[in-house]
C-alpha atoms as a PDB file:
ATOM      1  CA  UNK A   1      -5.550 -24.640 -32.753  1.00  0.00           C
ATOM      2  CA  UNK A   2      -3.274 -22.798 -30.345  1.00  0.00           C
ATOM      3  CA  UNK A   3      -0.245 -22.201 -32.565  1.00  0.00           C
ATOM      4  CA  UNK A   4       2.054 -21.810 -29.599  1.00  0.00           C
ATOM      5  CA  UNK A   5       0.883 -25.048 -28.004  1.00  0.00           C
ATOM      6  CA  UNK A   6       0.226 -27.439 -30.889  1.00  0.00           C
ATOM      7  CA  UNK A   7      -0.123 -30.444 -28.581  1.00  0.00           C
ATOM      8  CA  UNK A   8      -2.973 -28.797 -26.674  1.00  0.00           C
ATOM      9  CA  UNK A   9      -5.271 -31.524 -25.361  1.00  0.00           C
ATOM     10  CA  UNK A  10      -3.477 -34.333 -27.200  1.00  0.00           C
ATOM     11  CA  UNK A  11      -3.093 -37.487 -25.113  1.00  0.00           C
ATOM     12  CA  UNK A  12       0.355 -39.031 -25.438  1.00  0.00           C
ATOM     13  CA  UNK A  13       1.075 -42.537 -24.205  1.00  0.00           C
ATOM     14  CA  UNK A  14       4.537 -42.952 -22.678  1.00  0.00           C
ATOM     15  CA  UNK A  15       5.549 -46.609 -22.555  1.00  0.00           C
ATOM     16  CA  UNK A  16       9.046 -46.330 -21.096  1.00  0.00           C
ATOM     17  CA  UNK A  17       9.907 -47.204 -17.488  1.00  0.00           C
ATOM     18  CA  UNK A  18       8.443 -44.861 -14.864  1.00  0.00           C
ATOM     19  CA  UNK A  19      11.856 -43.638 -13.694  1.00  0.00           C
ATOM     20  CA  UNK A  20      12.611 -42.387 -17.206  1.00  0.00           C
ATOM     21  CA  UNK A  21       9.204 -40.909 -17.966  1.00  0.00           C
ATOM     22  CA  UNK A  22       9.022 -37.782 -15.817  1.00  0.00           C
ATOM     23  CA  UNK A  23      11.128 -35.403 -17.939  1.00  0.00           C
ATOM     24  CA  UNK A  24       9.438 -36.639 -21.104  1.00  0.00           C
ATOM     25  CA  UNK A  25       6.015 -36.094 -19.511  1.00  0.00           C
ATOM     26  CA  UNK A  26       6.946 -32.614 -18.319  1.00  0.00           C
ATOM     27  CA  UNK A  27       8.023 -31.612 -21.817  1.00  0.00           C
ATOM     28  CA  UNK A  28       4.712 -32.831 -23.236  1.00  0.00           C
ATOM     29  CA  UNK A  29       2.783 -30.871 -20.599  1.00  0.00           C
ATOM     30  CA  UNK A  30       4.767 -27.699 -21.356  1.00  0.00           C
ATOM     31  CA  UNK A  31       3.447 -27.926 -24.909  1.00  0.00           C
ATOM     32  CA  UNK A  32      -0.168 -28.421 -23.868  1.00  0.00           C
ATOM     33  CA  UNK A  33      -0.242 -32.216 -24.200  1.00  0.00           C
ATOM     34  CA  UNK A  34      -1.584 -34.724 -21.708  1.00  0.00           C
ATOM     35  CA  UNK A  35       1.032 -37.382 -20.897  1.00  0.00           C
ATOM     36  CA  UNK A  36      -0.354 -40.807 -20.064  1.00  0.00           C
ATOM     37  CA  UNK A  37       2.364 -42.777 -18.309  1.00  0.00           C
ATOM     38  CA  UNK A  38       1.842 -46.507 -18.653  1.00  0.00           C
ATOM     39  CA  UNK A  39       5.250 -48.042 -17.969  1.00  0.00           C
ATOM     40  CA  UNK A  40       5.438 -51.362 -19.768  1.00  0.00           C
ATOM     41  CA  UNK A  41       8.877 -52.002 -18.314  1.00  0.00           C
ATOM     42  CA  UNK A  42      10.396 -52.101 -14.843  1.00  0.00           C
ATOM     43  CA  UNK A  43      14.084 -51.547 -14.164  1.00  0.00           C
ATOM     44  CA  UNK A  44      15.967 -53.334 -11.406  1.00  0.00           C
ATOM     45  CA  UNK A  45      19.597 -53.123 -10.321  1.00  0.00           C
ATOM     46  CA  UNK A  46      21.923 -55.990 -11.182  1.00  0.00           C
ATOM     47  CA  UNK A  47      25.009 -55.759  -8.970  1.00  0.00           C
ATOM     48  CA  UNK A  48      26.104 -59.387  -9.050  1.00  0.00           C
ATOM     49  CA  UNK A  49      29.430 -59.290 -10.904  1.00  0.00           C
ATOM     50  CA  UNK A  50      32.001 -58.586  -8.191  1.00  0.00           C
ATOM     51  CA  UNK A  51      34.937 -59.569 -10.402  1.00  0.00           C
ATOM     52  CA  UNK A  52      34.695 -56.390 -12.482  1.00  0.00           C
ATOM     53  CA  UNK A  53      34.951 -54.128  -9.441  1.00  0.00           C
ATOM     54  CA  UNK A  54      38.099 -55.948  -8.334  1.00  0.00           C
ATOM     55  CA  UNK A  55      39.829 -55.349 -11.667  1.00  0.00           C
ATOM     56  CA  UNK A  56      38.351 -51.932 -12.492  1.00  0.00           C
ATOM     57  CA  UNK A  57      41.739 -50.226 -12.758  1.00  0.00           C
ATOM     58  CA  UNK A  58      42.851 -52.627 -15.484  1.00  0.00           C
ATOM     59  CA  UNK A  59      40.526 -51.064 -18.079  1.00  0.00           C
ATOM     60  CA  UNK A  60      41.583 -48.351 -20.502  1.00  0.00           C
ATOM     61  CA  UNK A  61      38.085 -47.166 -21.364  1.00  0.00           C
ATOM     62  CA  UNK A  62      34.549 -47.356 -19.967  1.00  0.00           C
ATOM     63  CA  UNK A  63      31.575 -47.133 -22.328  1.00  0.00           C
ATOM     64  CA  UNK A  64      28.078 -46.131 -21.214  1.00  0.00           C
ATOM     65  CA  UNK A  65      25.206 -46.966 -23.559  1.00  0.00           C
ATOM     66  CA  UNK A  66      22.385 -45.286 -21.587  1.00  0.00           C
ATOM     67  CA  UNK A  67      21.537 -42.903 -18.754  1.00  0.00           C
ATOM     68  CA  UNK A  68      20.400 -45.875 -16.690  1.00  0.00           C
ATOM     69  CA  UNK A  69      23.790 -47.468 -17.192  1.00  0.00           C
ATOM     70  CA  UNK A  70      25.387 -44.403 -15.599  1.00  0.00           C
ATOM     71  CA  UNK A  71      22.919 -44.345 -12.697  1.00  0.00           C
ATOM     72  CA  UNK A  72      23.211 -48.017 -11.830  1.00  0.00           C
ATOM     73  CA  UNK A  73      26.985 -48.106 -12.325  1.00  0.00           C
ATOM     74  CA  UNK A  74      27.307 -45.244  -9.834  1.00  0.00           C
ATOM     75  CA  UNK A  75      25.232 -47.260  -7.370  1.00  0.00           C
ATOM     76  CA  UNK A  76      27.605 -50.168  -7.921  1.00  0.00           C
ATOM     77  CA  UNK A  77      30.636 -47.941  -7.313  1.00  0.00           C
ATOM     78  CA  UNK A  78      28.994 -46.562  -4.164  1.00  0.00           C
ATOM     79  CA  UNK A  79      28.599 -50.095  -2.809  1.00  0.00           C
ATOM     80  CA  UNK A  80      32.378 -50.475  -3.124  1.00  0.00           C
ATOM     81  CA  UNK A  81      33.202 -46.972  -1.832  1.00  0.00           C
ATOM     82  CA  UNK A  82      34.660 -45.954  -5.187  1.00  0.00           C
ATOM     83  CA  UNK A  83      33.989 -42.274  -6.033  1.00  0.00           C
ATOM     84  CA  UNK A  84      32.480 -41.733  -9.468  1.00  0.00           C
ATOM     85  CA  UNK A  85      34.897 -38.874 -10.215  1.00  0.00           C
ATOM     86  CA  UNK A  86      37.746 -41.432 -10.113  1.00  0.00           C
ATOM     87  CA  UNK A  87      36.559 -42.480 -13.587  1.00  0.00           C
ATOM     88  CA  UNK A  88      38.387 -39.432 -14.954  1.00  0.00           C
ATOM     89  CA  UNK A  89      41.434 -41.689 -15.194  1.00  0.00           C
ATOM     90  CA  UNK A  90      39.690 -43.662 -17.988  1.00  0.00           C
ATOM     91  CA  UNK A  91      38.716 -42.748 -21.542  1.00  0.00           C
ATOM     92  CA  UNK A  92      34.951 -42.376 -21.198  1.00  0.00           C
ATOM     93  CA  UNK A  93      32.554 -42.950 -24.092  1.00  0.00           C
ATOM     94  CA  UNK A  94      28.795 -42.347 -24.203  1.00  0.00           C
ATOM     95  CA  UNK A  95      25.904 -42.943 -26.578  1.00  0.00           C
ATOM     96  CA  UNK A  96      23.811 -39.798 -26.763  1.00  0.00           C
ATOM     97  CA  UNK A  97      23.675 -36.310 -25.305  1.00  0.00           C
ATOM     98  CA  UNK A  98      21.649 -37.263 -22.231  1.00  0.00           C
ATOM     99  CA  UNK A  99      24.032 -40.049 -21.299  1.00  0.00           C
ATOM    100  CA  UNK A 100      26.956 -37.653 -21.673  1.00  0.00           C
ATOM    101  CA  UNK A 101      25.221 -35.010 -19.539  1.00  0.00           C
ATOM    102  CA  UNK A 102      24.474 -37.546 -16.803  1.00  0.00           C
ATOM    103  CA  UNK A 103      28.151 -38.523 -16.697  1.00  0.00           C
ATOM    104  CA  UNK A 104      29.341 -34.914 -16.702  1.00  0.00           C
ATOM    105  CA  UNK A 105      26.880 -33.986 -13.932  1.00  0.00           C
ATOM    106  CA  UNK A 106      28.811 -36.434 -11.745  1.00  0.00           C
ATOM    107  CA  UNK A 107      32.128 -34.702 -12.414  1.00  0.00           C
ATOM    108  CA  UNK A 108      33.516 -36.924 -15.149  1.00  0.00           C
ATOM    109  CA  UNK A 109      34.544 -35.857 -18.661  1.00  0.00           C
ATOM    110  CA  UNK A 110      33.388 -37.685 -21.792  1.00  0.00           C
ATOM    111  CA  UNK A 111      35.998 -38.022 -24.531  1.00  0.00           C
ATOM    112  CA  UNK A 112      34.028 -40.034 -27.092  1.00  0.00           C
ATOM    113  CA  UNK A 113      30.456 -39.514 -28.299  1.00  0.00           C
ATOM    114  CA  UNK A 114      29.185 -40.394 -31.780  1.00  0.00           C
ATOM    115  CA  UNK A 115      27.390 -37.836 -33.921  1.00  0.00           C
ATOM    116  CA  UNK A 116      24.669 -40.400 -34.569  1.00  0.00           C
ATOM    117  CA  UNK A 117      23.368 -41.961 -31.384  1.00  0.00           C
ATOM    118  CA  UNK A 118      23.572 -45.638 -32.265  1.00  0.00           C
ATOM    119  CA  UNK A 119      25.939 -48.414 -31.184  1.00  0.00           C
ATOM    120  CA  UNK A 120      27.508 -48.949 -34.612  1.00  0.00           C
ATOM    121  CA  UNK A 121      28.579 -45.304 -34.836  1.00  0.00           C
ATOM    122  CA  UNK A 122      30.026 -45.420 -31.313  1.00  0.00           C
ATOM    123  CA  UNK A 123      32.066 -48.515 -32.168  1.00  0.00           C
ATOM    124  CA  UNK A 124      33.621 -46.682 -35.118  1.00  0.00           C
ATOM    125  CA  UNK A 125      34.435 -43.631 -32.957  1.00  0.00           C
ATOM    126  CA  UNK A 126      36.112 -45.803 -30.314  1.00  0.00           C
ATOM    127  CA  UNK A 127      38.089 -47.701 -32.935  1.00  0.00           C
ATOM    128  CA  UNK A 128      39.399 -44.382 -34.278  1.00  0.00           C
ATOM    129  CA  UNK A 129      40.483 -43.031 -30.890  1.00  0.00           C
ATOM    130  CA  UNK A 130      41.804 -45.982 -28.884  1.00  0.00           C
ATOM    131  CA  UNK A 131      44.862 -48.117 -29.473  1.00  0.00           C
ATOM    132  CA  UNK A 132      44.318 -51.632 -30.765  1.00  0.00           C
ATOM    133  CA  UNK A 133      43.925 -54.284 -28.050  1.00  0.00           C
ATOM    134  CA  UNK A 134      42.876 -51.663 -25.469  1.00  0.00           C
ATOM    135  CA  UNK A 135      40.768 -53.069 -22.633  1.00  0.00           C
ATOM    136  CA  UNK A 136      37.185 -51.758 -22.689  1.00  0.00           C
ATOM    137  CA  UNK A 137      34.393 -52.102 -20.135  1.00  0.00           C
ATOM    138  CA  UNK A 138      30.885 -51.894 -21.594  1.00  0.00           C
ATOM    139  CA  UNK A 139      28.273 -50.801 -19.017  1.00  0.00           C
ATOM    140  CA  UNK A 140      24.753 -51.667 -20.142  1.00  0.00           C
ATOM    141  CA  UNK A 141      21.331 -53.138 -19.427  1.00  0.00           C
ATOM    142  CA  UNK A 142      20.325 -56.729 -20.078  1.00  0.00           C
ATOM    143  CA  UNK A 143      18.331 -55.877 -23.221  1.00  0.00           C
ATOM    144  CA  UNK A 144      20.986 -53.782 -24.964  1.00  0.00           C
ATOM    145  CA  UNK A 145      21.922 -55.137 -28.376  1.00  0.00           C
ATOM    146  CA  UNK A 146      25.251 -57.001 -28.586  1.00  0.00           C
ATOM    147  CA  UNK A 147      26.244 -55.043 -31.724  1.00  0.00           C
ATOM    148  CA  UNK A 148      28.682 -52.724 -29.924  1.00  0.00           C
ATOM    149  CA  UNK A 149      30.488 -55.606 -28.238  1.00  0.00           C
ATOM    150  CA  UNK A 150      30.708 -57.544 -31.501  1.00  0.00           C
ATOM    151  CA  UNK A 151      32.090 -54.559 -33.425  1.00  0.00           C
ATOM    152  CA  UNK A 152      34.723 -53.783 -30.798  1.00  0.00           C
ATOM    153  CA  UNK A 153      35.886 -57.394 -30.589  1.00  0.00           C
ATOM    154  CA  UNK A 154      36.158 -57.443 -34.374  1.00  0.00           C
ATOM    155  CA  UNK A 155      38.485 -54.422 -34.045  1.00  0.00           C
ATOM    156  CA  UNK A 156      40.719 -56.500 -31.730  1.00  0.00           C
ATOM    157  CA  UNK A 157      39.789 -54.758 -28.477  1.00  0.00           C
ATOM    158  CA  UNK A 158      39.526 -56.717 -25.236  1.00  0.00           C
ATOM    159  CA  UNK A 159      35.916 -56.245 -24.199  1.00  0.00           C
ATOM    160  CA  UNK A 160      34.277 -56.934 -20.830  1.00  0.00           C
ATOM    161  CA  UNK A 161      30.487 -56.860 -20.690  1.00  0.00           C
ATOM    162  CA  UNK A 162      28.930 -55.575 -17.447  1.00  0.00           C
ATOM    163  CA  UNK A 163      25.137 -55.666 -17.078  1.00  0.00           C
ATOM    164  CA  UNK A 164      24.265 -53.277 -14.231  1.00  0.00           C
ATOM    165  CA  UNK A 165      20.477 -53.279 -14.591  1.00  0.00           C
ATOM    166  CA  UNK A 166      17.718 -55.559 -15.830  1.00  0.00           C
ATOM    167  CA  UNK A 167      14.667 -54.384 -17.738  1.00  0.00           C
ATOM    168  CA  UNK A 168      11.642 -56.633 -17.257  1.00  0.00           C
ATOM    169  CA  UNK A 169       8.050 -56.667 -18.518  1.00  0.00           C
ATOM    170  CA  UNK A 170       5.530 -54.888 -16.251  1.00  0.00           C
ATOM    171  CA  UNK A 171       2.415 -57.059 -16.290  1.00  0.00           C
ATOM    172  CA  UNK A 172       0.535 -54.708 -13.959  1.00  0.00           C
ATOM    173  CA  UNK A 173      -0.125 -52.194 -16.772  1.00  0.00           C
ATOM    174  CA  UNK A 174      -1.834 -54.632 -19.162  1.00  0.00           C
ATOM    175  CA  UNK A 175      -5.444 -53.921 -18.151  1.00  0.00           C
ATOM    176  CA  UNK A 176      -4.892 -50.150 -18.106  1.00  0.00           C
ATOM    177  CA  UNK A 177      -3.345 -50.127 -21.570  1.00  0.00           C
ATOM    178  CA  UNK A 178      -6.111 -52.183 -23.161  1.00  0.00           C
ATOM    179  CA  UNK A 179      -8.776 -49.936 -21.630  1.00  0.00           C
ATOM    180  CA  UNK A 180      -7.047 -46.798 -22.957  1.00  0.00           C
ATOM    181  CA  UNK A 181      -7.099 -48.259 -26.469  1.00  0.00           C
ATOM    182  CA  UNK A 182     -10.674 -49.556 -26.315  1.00  0.00           C
ATOM    183  CA  UNK A 183     -12.009 -46.232 -25.041  1.00  0.00           C
ATOM    184  CA  UNK A 184     -10.087 -44.217 -27.666  1.00  0.00           C
ATOM    185  CA  UNK A 185      -8.349 -42.182 -24.992  1.00  0.00           C
ATOM    186  CA  UNK A 186      -5.055 -41.758 -26.851  1.00  0.00           C
ATOM    187  CA  UNK A 187      -3.790 -39.637 -29.746  1.00  0.00           C
ATOM    188  CA  UNK A 188      -0.118 -40.645 -29.796  1.00  0.00           C
ATOM    189  CA  UNK A 189       1.833 -43.706 -28.721  1.00  0.00           C
ATOM    190  CA  UNK A 190       5.554 -43.191 -28.126  1.00  0.00           C
ATOM    191  CA  UNK A 191       8.268 -45.834 -28.080  1.00  0.00           C
ATOM    192  CA  UNK A 192      11.793 -45.090 -26.889  1.00  0.00           C
ATOM    193  CA  UNK A 193      13.406 -48.527 -27.287  1.00  0.00           C
ATOM    194  CA  UNK A 194      12.817 -51.868 -29.017  1.00  0.00           C
ATOM    195  CA  UNK A 195      12.036 -53.378 -25.610  1.00  0.00           C
ATOM    196  CA  UNK A 196       9.062 -51.032 -25.153  1.00  0.00           C
ATOM    197  CA  UNK A 197       7.779 -52.106 -28.576  1.00  0.00           C
ATOM    198  CA  UNK A 198       8.093 -55.800 -27.748  1.00  0.00           C
ATOM    199  CA  UNK A 199       6.419 -55.322 -24.349  1.00  0.00           C
ATOM    200  CA  UNK A 200       3.563 -53.422 -25.998  1.00  0.00           C
ATOM    201  CA  UNK A 201       3.031 -56.168 -28.564  1.00  0.00           C
ATOM    202  CA  UNK A 202       3.216 -58.805 -25.848  1.00  0.00           C
ATOM    203  CA  UNK A 203       0.114 -57.193 -24.353  1.00  0.00           C
ATOM    204  CA  UNK A 204      -1.711 -56.260 -27.551  1.00  0.00           C
ATOM    205  CA  UNK A 205      -3.158 -58.690 -30.063  1.00  0.00           C
ATOM    206  CA  UNK A 206      -2.437 -56.567 -33.150  1.00  0.00           C
ATOM    207  CA  UNK A 207      -5.312 -57.962 -35.191  1.00  0.00           C
ATOM    208  CA  UNK A 208      -7.815 -57.539 -32.354  1.00  0.00           C
ATOM    209  CA  UNK A 209      -6.688 -53.974 -31.679  1.00  0.00           C
ATOM    210  CA  UNK A 210      -5.873 -53.038 -35.272  1.00  0.00           C
ATOM    211  CA  UNK A 211      -8.834 -50.646 -35.600  1.00  0.00           C
ATOM    212  CA  UNK A 212      -7.720 -48.778 -32.477  1.00  0.00           C
ATOM    213  CA  UNK A 213      -4.069 -48.603 -33.538  1.00  0.00           C
ATOM    214  CA  UNK A 214      -5.020 -47.192 -36.960  1.00  0.00           C
ATOM    215  CA  UNK A 215      -6.576 -44.157 -35.265  1.00  0.00           C
ATOM    216  CA  UNK A 216      -3.353 -43.337 -33.419  1.00  0.00           C
ATOM    217  CA  UNK A 217      -0.074 -41.778 -34.435  1.00  0.00           C
ATOM    218  CA  UNK A 218       3.009 -43.755 -33.440  1.00  0.00           C
ATOM    219  CA  UNK A 219       6.295 -41.958 -32.759  1.00  0.00           C
ATOM    220  CA  UNK A 220       9.529 -43.884 -32.260  1.00  0.00           C
ATOM    221  CA  UNK A 221      12.786 -42.422 -30.990  1.00  0.00           C
ATOM    222  CA  UNK A 222      15.041 -43.776 -33.745  1.00  0.00           C
ATOM    223  CA  UNK A 223      15.704 -46.364 -36.461  1.00  0.00           C
ATOM    224  CA  UNK A 224      16.380 -49.341 -34.176  1.00  0.00           C
ATOM    225  CA  UNK A 225      13.071 -48.818 -32.389  1.00  0.00           C
ATOM    226  CA  UNK A 226      11.278 -48.195 -35.680  1.00  0.00           C
ATOM    227  CA  UNK A 227      12.661 -51.450 -37.057  1.00  0.00           C
ATOM    228  CA  UNK A 228      11.163 -53.247 -34.056  1.00  0.00           C
ATOM    229  CA  UNK A 229       7.778 -51.741 -34.978  1.00  0.00           C
ATOM    230  CA  UNK A 230       8.161 -52.941 -38.557  1.00  0.00           C
ATOM    231  CA  UNK A 231       8.559 -56.504 -37.291  1.00  0.00           C
ATOM    232  CA  UNK A 232       4.898 -56.260 -36.272  1.00  0.00           C
ATOM    233  CA  UNK A 233       3.758 -54.552 -39.449  1.00  0.00           C
ATOM    234  CA  UNK A 234       3.672 -51.109 -37.825  1.00  0.00           C
ATOM    235  CA  UNK A 235       5.543 -47.939 -38.696  1.00  0.00           C
ATOM    236  CA  UNK A 236       6.233 -44.846 -36.660  1.00  0.00           C
ATOM    237  CA  UNK A 237       7.212 -41.271 -37.331  1.00  0.00           C
ATOM    238  CA  UNK A 238      10.808 -40.679 -36.285  1.00  0.00           C
ATOM    239  CA  UNK A 239      12.769 -37.498 -35.402  1.00  0.00           C
ATOM    240  CA  UNK A 240      16.042 -36.660 -37.115  1.00  0.00           C
ATOM    241  CA  UNK A 241      17.792 -36.582 -33.729  1.00  0.00           C
ATOM    242  CA  UNK A 242      17.098 -39.514 -31.427  1.00  0.00           C
ATOM    243  CA  UNK A 243      15.973 -37.802 -28.204  1.00  0.00           C
ATOM    244  CA  UNK A 244      12.657 -37.417 -26.385  1.00  0.00           C
ATOM    245  CA  UNK A 245      12.845 -33.629 -26.825  1.00  0.00           C
ATOM    246  CA  UNK A 246      12.947 -34.112 -30.583  1.00  0.00           C
ATOM    247  CA  UNK A 247      10.064 -36.583 -30.316  1.00  0.00           C
ATOM    248  CA  UNK A 248       7.968 -33.839 -28.721  1.00  0.00           C
ATOM    249  CA  UNK A 249       8.944 -31.397 -31.471  1.00  0.00           C
ATOM    250  CA  UNK A 250       7.986 -34.005 -34.062  1.00  0.00           C
ATOM    251  CA  UNK A 251       4.568 -34.499 -32.460  1.00  0.00           C
ATOM    252  CA  UNK A 252       4.078 -30.726 -32.590  1.00  0.00           C
ATOM    253  CA  UNK A 253       4.881 -30.738 -36.319  1.00  0.00           C
ATOM    254  CA  UNK A 254       2.464 -33.604 -36.894  1.00  0.00           C
ATOM    255  CA  UNK A 255      -0.294 -31.677 -35.127  1.00  0.00           C
ATOM    256  CA  UNK A 256       0.437 -28.592 -37.234  1.00  0.00           C
ATOM    257  CA  UNK A 257       0.808 -30.380 -40.553  1.00  0.00           C
ATOM    258  CA  UNK A 258      -1.262 -33.526 -40.247  1.00  0.00           C
ATOM    259  CA  UNK A 259      -0.171 -37.165 -40.160  1.00  0.00           C
ATOM    260  CA  UNK A 260       0.887 -37.159 -43.820  1.00  0.00           C
ATOM    261  CA  UNK A 261       3.674 -34.605 -43.358  1.00  0.00           C
END
């Protein structure tokens, strides 16, 4: 094995939406792996709630739960000729390093980011830094868990939920995915959200494909995604930090140490 490129020749299935897959795929390639992009999800803009744009200045804080939330919210602002940098007048919160970097790349500072990249931790951070009854706008996708909203409401904040994009199942990839499994053309399957897990299982009859799945190594981005796998009787390896970069590092360690690391 090439010690410097432990993923050499390993075929890694990427199930996330195509728009999100390119950086992940590039990182896999840099380490000798062969990314196989089979997007089980499609992402579409949802810019239907005009009322929020009209009362935008009434919020004290805006919370972004994903990179896509930032991207599609900017599109929404552009439609209303509102510059993204005007968000510097709000307390901005983000889940995760990549979400924070996307916001900062657009000229806006992030004041709140949890050390652990999950909604529950973010809710606690916000509760510690904002005054009670502050007005908070949550920017998210349609499949995001309601946990953050529930926690913030329980802390007596006024919460407005804004869905700026919809994630839907991509039926076009079904035949391709089944063929990849049947022909044993994969070494790893990666999942970066519970929705990718559910879309995968919607396509795959677990019992029918059990023998193929047992030959593969599953890597999930974090505990919420791994819990979704467990619902189907599956279990994935999981990095200590919940990013795709750390998923690649974990796959390298697995290749170096074996699946029973």
